[in-house]
């Protein structure tokens, strides 16, 4: 039982990992939205120019 004890994290460390995971997930989601909007914007003005 004591073999896994050093691998156990405190509640604060575990909460920090959860919050950081949620932050990374949100940033990836926002990046996908921003790239999609940029591609839409570029297509719109590329077709208008010609």
PDB file of N, CA and C in Angstrom:
ATOM      1  N   UNK A   1       0.819  -1.200   0.000  1.00  0.00           N
ATOM      2  CA  UNK A   1       0.000   0.000   0.000  1.00  0.00           C
ATOM      3  C   UNK A   1       0.860   1.260   0.000  1.00  0.00           C
ATOM      4  N   UNK A   2       1.986   1.209   0.650  1.00  0.00           N
ATOM      5  CA  UNK A   2       2.831   2.403   0.698  1.00  0.00           C
ATOM      6  C   UNK A   2       3.635   2.590  -0.577  1.00  0.00           C
ATOM      7  N   UNK A   3       3.615   1.626  -1.488  1.00  0.00           N
ATOM      8  CA  UNK A   3       4.380   1.747  -2.724  1.00  0.00           C
ATOM      9  C   UNK A   3       3.816   2.856  -3.624  1.00  0.00           C
ATOM     10  N   UNK A   4       2.511   3.043  -3.639  1.00  0.00           N
ATOM     11  CA  UNK A   4       1.914   4.065  -4.506  1.00  0.00           C
ATOM     12  C   UNK A   4       1.751   5.408  -3.802  1.00  0.00           C
ATOM     13  N   UNK A   5       2.073   5.471  -2.532  1.00  0.00           N
ATOM     14  CA  UNK A   5       1.885   6.696  -1.763  1.00  0.00           C
ATOM     15  C   UNK A   5       2.681   7.879  -2.313  1.00  0.00           C
ATOM     16  N   UNK A   6       3.951   7.730  -2.727  1.00  0.00           N
ATOM     17  CA  UNK A   6       4.661   8.893  -3.295  1.00  0.00           C
ATOM     18  C   UNK A   6       4.057   9.369  -4.612  1.00  0.00           C
ATOM     19  N   UNK A   7       3.339   8.507  -5.313  1.00  0.00           N
ATOM     20  CA  UNK A   7       2.727   8.895  -6.574  1.00  0.00           C
ATOM     21  C   UNK A   7       1.409   9.641  -6.376  1.00  0.00           C
ATOM     22  N   UNK A   8       0.852   9.562  -5.190  1.00  0.00           N
ATOM     23  CA  UNK A   8      -0.418  10.236  -4.922  1.00  0.00           C
ATOM     24  C   UNK A   8      -0.200  11.746  -4.887  1.00  0.00           C
ATOM     25  N   UNK A   9      -1.167  12.463  -5.420  1.00  0.00           N
ATOM     26  CA  UNK A   9      -1.088  13.919  -5.444  1.00  0.00           C
ATOM     27  C   UNK A   9      -2.025  14.492  -4.395  1.00  0.00           C
ATOM     28  N   UNK A  10      -1.671  15.669  -3.947  1.00  0.00           N
ATOM     29  CA  UNK A  10      -2.567  16.338  -3.014  1.00  0.00           C
ATOM     30  C   UNK A  10      -3.779  16.852  -3.787  1.00  0.00           C
ATOM     31  N   UNK A  11      -4.780  17.226  -3.082  1.00  0.00           N
ATOM     32  CA  UNK A  11      -5.998  17.740  -3.715  1.00  0.00           C
ATOM     33  C   UNK A  11      -5.707  19.019  -4.494  1.00  0.00           C
ATOM     34  N   UNK A  12      -4.850  19.859  -3.962  1.00  0.00           N
ATOM     35  CA  UNK A  12      -4.513  21.110  -4.649  1.00  0.00           C
ATOM     36  C   UNK A  12      -3.779  20.844  -5.963  1.00  0.00           C
ATOM     37  N   UNK A  13      -2.849  19.901  -5.955  1.00  0.00           N
ATOM     38  CA  UNK A  13      -2.127  19.566  -7.191  1.00  0.00           C
ATOM     39  C   UNK A  13      -3.062  18.960  -8.217  1.00  0.00           C
ATOM     40  N   UNK A  14      -3.944  18.102  -7.759  1.00  0.00           N
ATOM     41  CA  UNK A  14      -4.893  17.479  -8.673  1.00  0.00           C
ATOM     42  C   UNK A  14      -5.847  18.524  -9.259  1.00  0.00           C
ATOM     43  N   UNK A  15      -6.305  19.456  -8.444  1.00  0.00           N
ATOM     44  CA  UNK A  15      -7.168  20.530  -8.924  1.00  0.00           C
ATOM     45  C   UNK A  15      -6.451  21.416  -9.928  1.00  0.00           C
ATOM     46  N   UNK A  16      -5.173  21.673  -9.689  1.00  0.00           N
ATOM     47  CA  UNK A  16      -4.385  22.477 -10.618  1.00  0.00           C
ATOM     48  C   UNK A  16      -4.293  21.789 -11.975  1.00  0.00           C
ATOM     49  N   UNK A  17      -4.088  20.478 -11.971  1.00  0.00           N
ATOM     50  CA  UNK A  17      -4.020  19.747 -13.234  1.00  0.00           C
ATOM     51  C   UNK A  17      -5.363  19.762 -13.955  1.00  0.00           C
ATOM     52  N   UNK A  18      -6.436  19.677 -13.214  1.00  0.00           N
ATOM     53  CA  UNK A  18      -7.759  19.726 -13.835  1.00  0.00           C
ATOM     54  C   UNK A  18      -7.997  21.095 -14.460  1.00  0.00           C
ATOM     55  N   UNK A  19      -7.670  22.150 -13.744  1.00  0.00           N
ATOM     56  CA  UNK A  19      -7.870  23.504 -14.258  1.00  0.00           C
ATOM     57  C   UNK A  19      -6.995  23.762 -15.478  1.00  0.00           C
ATOM     58  N   UNK A  20      -5.747  23.327 -15.433  1.00  0.00           N
ATOM     59  CA  UNK A  20      -4.862  23.500 -16.581  1.00  0.00           C
ATOM     60  C   UNK A  20      -5.359  22.704 -17.788  1.00  0.00           C
ATOM     61  N   UNK A  21      -5.887  21.511 -17.550  1.00  0.00           N
ATOM     62  CA  UNK A  21      -6.454  20.725 -18.644  1.00  0.00           C
ATOM     63  C   UNK A  21      -7.651  21.411 -19.269  1.00  0.00           C
ATOM     64  N   UNK A  22      -8.497  21.981 -18.443  1.00  0.00           N
ATOM     65  CA  UNK A  22      -9.664  22.702 -18.962  1.00  0.00           C
ATOM     66  C   UNK A  22      -9.230  23.943 -19.731  1.00  0.00           C
ATOM     67  N   UNK A  23      -8.204  24.639 -19.249  1.00  0.00           N
ATOM     68  CA  UNK A  23      -7.696  25.825 -19.931  1.00  0.00           C
ATOM     69  C   UNK A  23      -7.128  25.465 -21.303  1.00  0.00           C
ATOM     70  N   UNK A  24      -6.350  24.405 -21.364  1.00  0.00           N
ATOM     71  CA  UNK A  24      -5.780  23.971 -22.642  1.00  0.00           C
ATOM     72  C   UNK A  24      -6.888  23.565 -23.607  1.00  0.00           C
ATOM     73  N   UNK A  25      -7.887  22.850 -23.117  1.00  0.00           N
ATOM     74  CA  UNK A  25      -9.008  22.433 -23.968  1.00  0.00           C
ATOM     75  C   UNK A  25      -9.744  23.655 -24.501  1.00  0.00           C
ATOM     76  N   UNK A  26      -9.992  24.640 -23.675  1.00  0.00           N
ATOM     77  CA  UNK A  26     -10.665  25.859 -24.109  1.00  0.00           C
ATOM     78  C   UNK A  26      -9.846  26.639 -25.127  1.00  0.00           C
ATOM     79  N   UNK A  27      -8.535  26.686 -24.927  1.00  0.00           N
ATOM     80  CA  UNK A  27      -7.684  27.397 -25.875  1.00  0.00           C
ATOM     81  C   UNK A  27      -7.645  26.697 -27.223  1.00  0.00           C
ATOM     82  N   UNK A  28      -7.632  25.370 -27.221  1.00  0.00           N
ATOM     83  CA  UNK A  28      -7.668  24.627 -28.489  1.00  0.00           C
ATOM     84  C   UNK A  28      -8.987  24.893 -29.205  1.00  0.00           C
ATOM     85  N   UNK A  29     -10.080  24.866 -28.463  1.00  0.00           N
ATOM     86  CA  UNK A  29     -11.393  25.133 -29.051  1.00  0.00           C
ATOM     87  C   UNK A  29     -11.442  26.550 -29.634  1.00  0.00           C
ATOM     88  N   UNK A  30     -10.939  27.528 -28.890  1.00  0.00           N
ATOM     89  CA  UNK A  30     -10.940  28.913 -29.374  1.00  0.00           C
ATOM     90  C   UNK A  30     -10.042  29.054 -30.596  1.00  0.00           C
ATOM     91  N   UNK A  31      -8.922  28.364 -30.622  1.00  0.00           N
ATOM     92  CA  UNK A  31      -8.021  28.417 -31.771  1.00  0.00           C
ATOM     93  C   UNK A  31      -8.693  27.862 -33.022  1.00  0.00           C
ATOM     94  N   UNK A  32      -9.440  26.784 -32.882  1.00  0.00           N
ATOM     95  CA  UNK A  32     -10.161  26.211 -34.017  1.00  0.00           C
ATOM     96  C   UNK A  32     -11.186  27.208 -34.548  1.00  0.00           C
ATOM     97  N   UNK A  33     -11.892  27.883 -33.666  1.00  0.00           N
ATOM     98  CA  UNK A  33     -12.885  28.872 -34.079  1.00  0.00           C
ATOM     99  C   UNK A  33     -12.208  30.040 -34.789  1.00  0.00           C
ATOM    100  N   UNK A  34     -11.108  30.535 -34.245  1.00  0.00           N
ATOM    101  CA  UNK A  34     -10.403  31.671 -34.838  1.00  0.00           C
ATOM    102  C   UNK A  34      -9.864  31.305 -36.218  1.00  0.00           C
ATOM    103  N   UNK A  35      -9.281  30.134 -36.360  1.00  0.00           N
ATOM    104  CA  UNK A  35      -8.762  29.717 -37.664  1.00  0.00           C
ATOM    105  C   UNK A  35      -9.909  29.579 -38.663  1.00  0.00           C
ATOM    106  N   UNK A  36     -11.032  29.025 -38.245  1.00  0.00           N
ATOM    107  CA  UNK A  36     -12.187  28.906 -39.134  1.00  0.00           C
ATOM    108  C   UNK A  36     -12.716  30.254 -39.578  1.00  0.00           C
ATOM    109  N   UNK A  37     -12.788  31.198 -38.669  1.00  0.00           N
ATOM    110  CA  UNK A  37     -13.251  32.534 -39.025  1.00  0.00           C
ATOM    111  C   UNK A  37     -12.266  33.223 -39.963  1.00  0.00           C
ATOM    112  N   UNK A  38     -10.984  33.034 -39.737  1.00  0.00           N
ATOM    113  CA  UNK A  38      -9.968  33.635 -40.602  1.00  0.00           C
ATOM    114  C   UNK A  38     -10.062  33.071 -42.020  1.00  0.00           C
ATOM    115  N   UNK A  39     -10.235  31.757 -42.129  1.00  0.00           N
ATOM    116  CA  UNK A  39     -10.362  31.138 -43.451  1.00  0.00           C
ATOM    117  C   UNK A  39     -11.612  31.653 -44.146  1.00  0.00           C
ATOM    118  N   UNK A  40     -12.705  31.780 -43.419  1.00  0.00           N
ATOM    119  CA  UNK A  40     -13.943  32.318 -43.993  1.00  0.00           C
ATOM    120  C   UNK A  40     -13.727  33.754 -44.470  1.00  0.00           C
ATOM    121  N   UNK A  41     -13.062  34.566 -43.673  1.00  0.00           N
ATOM    122  CA  UNK A  41     -12.776  35.962 -44.021  1.00  0.00           C
ATOM    123  C   UNK A  41     -11.916  36.043 -45.280  1.00  0.00           C
ATOM    124  N   UNK A  42     -10.863  35.218 -45.338  1.00  0.00           N
ATOM    125  CA  UNK A  42      -9.974  35.235 -46.502  1.00  0.00           C
ATOM    126  C   UNK A  42     -10.699  34.792 -47.765  1.00  0.00           C
ATOM    127  N   UNK A  43     -11.553  33.787 -47.668  1.00  0.00           N
ATOM    128  CA  UNK A  43     -12.307  33.332 -48.836  1.00  0.00           C
ATOM    129  C   UNK A  43     -13.255  34.411 -49.326  1.00  0.00           C
ATOM    130  N   UNK A  44     -13.895  35.074 -48.395  1.00  0.00           N
ATOM    131  CA  UNK A  44     -14.866  36.107 -48.750  1.00  0.00           C
ATOM    132  C   UNK A  44     -14.199  37.223 -49.549  1.00  0.00           C
ATOM    133  N   UNK A  45     -13.079  37.714 -49.073  1.00  0.00           N
ATOM    134  CA  UNK A  45     -12.427  38.825 -49.753  1.00  0.00           C
ATOM    135  C   UNK A  45     -11.631  38.380 -50.971  1.00  0.00           C
ATOM    136  N   UNK A  46     -11.218  37.128 -51.036  1.00  0.00           N
ATOM    137  CA  UNK A  46     -10.516  36.653 -52.221  1.00  0.00           C
ATOM    138  C   UNK A  46     -11.473  36.584 -53.410  1.00  0.00           C
ATOM    139  N   UNK A  47     -12.694  36.152 -53.173  1.00  0.00           N
ATOM    140  CA  UNK A  47     -13.672  36.064 -54.249  1.00  0.00           C
ATOM    141  C   UNK A  47     -14.179  37.444 -54.650  1.00  0.00           C
ATOM    142  N   UNK A  48     -14.189  38.386 -53.743  1.00  0.00           N
ATOM    143  CA  UNK A  48     -14.646  39.735 -54.052  1.00  0.00           C
ATOM    144  C   UNK A  48     -13.665  40.495 -54.921  1.00  0.00           C
ATOM    145  N   UNK A  49     -12.381  40.198 -54.748  1.00  0.00           N
ATOM    146  CA  UNK A  49     -11.350  40.952 -55.418  1.00  0.00           C
ATOM    147  C   UNK A  49     -11.330  40.680 -56.922  1.00  0.00           C
ATOM    148  N   UNK A  50     -11.629  39.444 -57.316  1.00  0.00           N
ATOM    149  CA  UNK A  50     -11.506  39.091 -58.741  1.00  0.00           C
ATOM    150  C   UNK A  50     -12.758  39.323 -59.503  1.00  0.00           C
TER     151      UNK A  50
END
